[in-house]
Amino acid sequence: MKWFLPFLGFVFIGELVENFLNITVIVNYLIGILESVFYGYIFYQLTRKRLLKKLILFFIPVSVAGYFICFIFYGKDFSYFIPNIIITGFFLATISLAYLYERFADDDDALLFAEPGFWIAVGVCLFYSGVSISLSLYDFILKNDLSIFGVKLYSVTTRILSVILYLCISISIILCKEKKRTLS
C-alpha cells in the first residue's frame, strides 16, 4: 500500500504532461507499462494461490513487451496502442476477478468489505473491464460519432470509470490505515 501514493503521483504527472505539453504517445505507453507492473505486483502480493501468482508472473513481462514492441515499431500510430490497453485491461480484470473468487472461496469469516484488497480488486475490475469494452468499440464510436455533451463516448466512459477506480483505491488506503491503527 505504501507504493500507491508514488504510483498515483506518477499517473497524475503523466496525465498533466499529456494534457498540457501534448506528449501523448510516450506518456500513454509509460503509464500503461507502469499500471501493468503495479497492479500485477499488487495482486501478486495479495493472492495466496500459486496458479494465480504464476499467471501474474507470465502476464507482466508479456504486457510490458507488448507496450515496448508497439512503441518501438509503431511509435506515433495510436491504433496499435489501443489493442494493448484492451488486452491488458481484460487480463487485469481477469486477475482481479480471480482474486475476488479466491477471497470469496476462502471460508475464513473475514468481512471482505473491510479488506483493502477487496476494494482494489473491485476498482481494477470495473475500470479495466469497462475501458476494454469501450475501447473495443473505438472504431464504431468514431464511425457513428457517439458522444455525450460533445465528448466521445469512450472518453466519457474512461472518465467515469477513473472516478470509480480512484474511489475504490481511496477506500482501500483508508481501510489499510484503519487496520494499521487497530493493530498498534
Protein backbone atom coordinates (compact mmCIF):
# COMPACT_ATOMS: atom_id res chain seq x y z
CA MET A 1 0.00 0.00 0.00
CA LYS A 2 2.94 2.33 0.56
CA TRP A 3 3.54 2.42 -3.21
CA PHE A 4 0.09 3.73 -4.08
CA LEU A 5 0.94 7.36 -3.48
CA PRO A 6 4.05 7.41 -5.73
CA PHE A 7 2.13 5.40 -8.33
CA LEU A 8 -0.82 7.80 -8.30
CA GLY A 9 1.58 10.76 -8.34
CA PHE A 10 3.31 9.40 -11.45
CA VAL A 11 -0.05 8.82 -13.19
CA PHE A 12 -1.20 12.33 -12.22
CA ILE A 13 2.01 13.94 -13.52
CA GLY A 14 1.78 11.82 -16.66
CA GLU A 15 -1.77 13.00 -17.29
CA LEU A 16 -0.73 16.62 -16.75
CA VAL A 17 2.20 16.27 -19.16
CA GLU A 18 -0.09 14.59 -21.67
CA ASN A 19 -2.73 17.32 -21.49
CA PHE A 20 -0.56 20.42 -21.25
CA LEU A 21 2.55 19.51 -23.23
CA ASN A 22 0.68 17.35 -25.73
CA ILE A 23 3.16 14.47 -25.45
CA THR A 24 0.51 11.78 -25.61
CA VAL A 25 2.12 8.73 -27.16
CA ILE A 26 5.15 8.11 -24.94
CA VAL A 27 3.26 9.13 -21.79
CA ASN A 28 0.43 6.72 -22.55
CA TYR A 29 2.87 3.88 -23.15
CA LEU A 30 4.75 4.66 -19.91
CA ILE A 31 1.52 4.82 -17.91
CA GLY A 32 0.34 1.56 -19.49
CA ILE A 33 3.59 -0.17 -18.56
CA LEU A 34 3.51 1.22 -15.03
CA GLU A 35 -0.10 0.19 -14.49
CA SER A 36 0.56 -3.34 -15.72
CA VAL A 37 3.57 -3.76 -13.45
CA PHE A 38 2.00 -2.03 -10.45
CA TYR A 39 -1.36 -3.83 -10.45
CA GLY A 40 0.38 -7.11 -11.28
CA TYR A 41 2.64 -6.59 -8.26
CA ILE A 42 -0.31 -5.69 -6.00
CA PHE A 43 -2.27 -8.82 -6.95
CA TYR A 44 0.85 -10.96 -6.75
CA GLN A 45 1.29 -9.80 -3.15
CA LEU A 46 -2.40 -10.19 -2.28
CA THR A 47 -3.09 -13.62 -3.75
CA ARG A 48 -2.43 -16.85 -1.94
CA LYS A 49 -2.87 -19.23 -4.88
CA ARG A 50 0.25 -20.39 -6.73
CA LEU A 51 -1.54 -20.72 -10.06
CA LEU A 52 -2.68 -17.10 -9.98
CA LYS A 53 0.83 -16.00 -8.98
CA LYS A 54 2.27 -17.88 -11.97
CA LEU A 55 -0.32 -16.31 -14.25
CA ILE A 56 0.61 -12.85 -12.99
CA LEU A 57 4.32 -13.57 -13.47
CA PHE A 58 3.56 -14.57 -17.05
CA PHE A 59 1.35 -11.56 -17.73
CA ILE A 60 3.63 -8.76 -16.54
CA PRO A 61 6.51 -9.39 -18.98
CA VAL A 62 4.09 -10.11 -21.86
CA SER A 63 2.21 -6.88 -21.24
CA VAL A 64 5.37 -4.79 -20.89
CA ALA A 65 6.84 -6.40 -24.01
CA GLY A 66 3.64 -5.65 -25.91
CA TYR A 67 3.84 -1.97 -24.99
CA PHE A 68 7.56 -1.78 -25.83
CA ILE A 69 7.20 -3.54 -29.17
CA CYS A 70 4.27 -1.37 -30.22
CA PHE A 71 6.07 1.79 -29.20
CA ILE A 72 9.33 0.86 -30.93
CA PHE A 73 7.80 -0.36 -34.17
CA TYR A 74 4.68 1.75 -34.46
CA GLY A 75 5.64 4.81 -32.40
CA LYS A 76 3.10 7.52 -33.01
CA ASP A 77 0.50 5.28 -34.64
CA PHE A 78 -2.01 5.24 -31.79
CA SER A 79 -4.11 2.50 -33.39
CA TYR A 80 -1.64 -0.10 -32.07
CA PHE A 81 -1.79 1.28 -28.53
CA ILE A 82 -5.50 0.59 -28.17
CA PRO A 83 -5.23 -3.22 -28.58
CA ASN A 84 -2.54 -3.21 -25.88
CA ILE A 85 -4.89 -1.46 -23.47
CA ILE A 86 -7.75 -3.80 -24.37
CA ILE A 87 -5.70 -6.98 -23.86
CA THR A 88 -4.01 -5.68 -20.71
CA GLY A 89 -7.37 -4.47 -19.39
CA PHE A 90 -9.08 -7.81 -19.87
CA PHE A 91 -6.15 -9.56 -18.25
CA LEU A 92 -6.15 -7.22 -15.24
CA ALA A 93 -9.92 -7.62 -14.93
CA THR A 94 -9.48 -11.41 -15.04
CA ILE A 95 -6.77 -11.33 -12.38
CA SER A 96 -8.89 -9.14 -10.12
CA LEU A 97 -11.90 -11.43 -10.61
CA ALA A 98 -9.72 -14.47 -9.85
CA TYR A 99 -8.51 -12.75 -6.69
CA LEU A 100 -12.11 -11.91 -5.68
CA TYR A 101 -13.13 -15.52 -6.35
CA GLU A 102 -10.22 -16.70 -4.22
CA ARG A 103 -11.32 -14.44 -1.37
CA PHE A 104 -14.97 -15.50 -1.64
CA ALA A 105 -13.98 -19.18 -1.81
CA ASP A 106 -11.87 -18.90 1.35
CA ASP A 107 -14.16 -19.53 4.26
CA ASP A 108 -12.19 -17.58 6.85
CA ASP A 109 -15.06 -15.49 8.27
CA ALA A 110 -13.33 -12.26 7.23
CA LEU A 111 -15.54 -9.36 6.25
CA LEU A 112 -14.48 -8.72 2.66
CA PHE A 113 -15.75 -5.15 2.62
CA ALA A 114 -13.25 -4.35 5.37
CA GLU A 115 -10.27 -5.66 3.39
CA PRO A 116 -8.23 -3.20 1.30
CA GLY A 117 -7.52 -5.88 -1.34
CA PHE A 118 -11.22 -6.31 -2.00
CA TRP A 119 -11.63 -2.65 -2.91
CA ILE A 120 -8.54 -2.64 -5.10
CA ALA A 121 -9.84 -5.69 -6.96
CA VAL A 122 -13.31 -4.19 -7.40
CA GLY A 123 -11.90 -0.91 -8.70
CA VAL A 124 -9.43 -2.56 -11.08
CA CYS A 125 -12.06 -5.00 -12.37
CA LEU A 126 -14.69 -2.32 -13.02
CA PHE A 127 -12.23 0.13 -14.56
CA TYR A 128 -10.35 -2.20 -16.87
CA SER A 129 -13.33 -4.27 -17.98
CA GLY A 130 -15.28 -1.11 -18.80
CA VAL A 131 -12.38 0.60 -20.54
CA SER A 132 -11.57 -2.56 -22.53
CA ILE A 133 -15.15 -2.89 -23.71
CA SER A 134 -15.37 0.81 -24.52
CA LEU A 135 -12.10 0.82 -26.46
CA SER A 136 -13.10 -2.39 -28.26
CA LEU A 137 -15.85 -0.25 -29.77
CA TYR A 138 -13.46 2.61 -30.61
CA ASP A 139 -13.91 2.42 -34.39
CA PHE A 140 -17.68 2.05 -34.05
CA ILE A 141 -17.85 5.08 -31.72
CA LEU A 142 -15.79 7.17 -34.15
CA LYS A 143 -17.71 5.99 -37.21
CA ASN A 144 -21.09 6.80 -35.66
CA ASP A 145 -19.88 9.91 -33.84
CA LEU A 146 -21.19 8.71 -30.47
CA SER A 147 -20.68 11.38 -27.86
CA ILE A 148 -22.21 12.83 -24.72
CA PHE A 149 -22.19 16.63 -24.47
CA GLY A 150 -19.66 16.76 -27.30
CA VAL A 151 -17.22 14.31 -25.65
CA LYS A 152 -16.60 10.95 -27.35
CA LEU A 153 -18.28 8.04 -25.59
CA TYR A 154 -15.02 6.14 -24.95
CA SER A 155 -13.62 9.23 -23.24
CA VAL A 156 -16.72 9.71 -21.05
CA THR A 157 -16.59 6.04 -20.08
CA THR A 158 -12.92 6.28 -19.12
CA ARG A 159 -13.51 9.40 -17.01
CA ILE A 160 -16.44 7.89 -15.11
CA LEU A 161 -14.59 4.62 -14.53
CA SER A 162 -11.49 6.55 -13.36
CA VAL A 163 -13.59 8.13 -10.61
CA ILE A 164 -14.79 4.68 -9.56
CA LEU A 165 -11.24 3.24 -9.64
CA TYR A 166 -9.75 6.06 -7.57
CA LEU A 167 -12.68 5.95 -5.13
CA CYS A 168 -12.02 2.24 -4.58
CA ILE A 169 -8.30 2.88 -4.16
CA SER A 170 -9.08 5.64 -1.64
CA ILE A 171 -11.32 3.28 0.33
CA SER A 172 -8.56 0.65 0.36
CA ILE A 173 -5.99 3.18 1.61
CA ILE A 174 -8.37 4.33 4.37
CA LEU A 175 -9.08 0.73 5.39
CA CYS A 176 -5.39 -0.10 5.40
CA LYS A 177 -4.66 2.89 7.61
CA GLU A 178 -7.51 1.94 10.00
CA LYS A 179 -6.26 -1.64 10.11
CA LYS A 180 -2.76 -0.37 10.96
CA ARG A 181 -4.15 1.74 13.83
CA THR A 182 -6.11 -1.12 15.34
CA LEU A 183 -3.08 -3.40 15.17
CA SER A 184 -0.81 -0.96 17.00
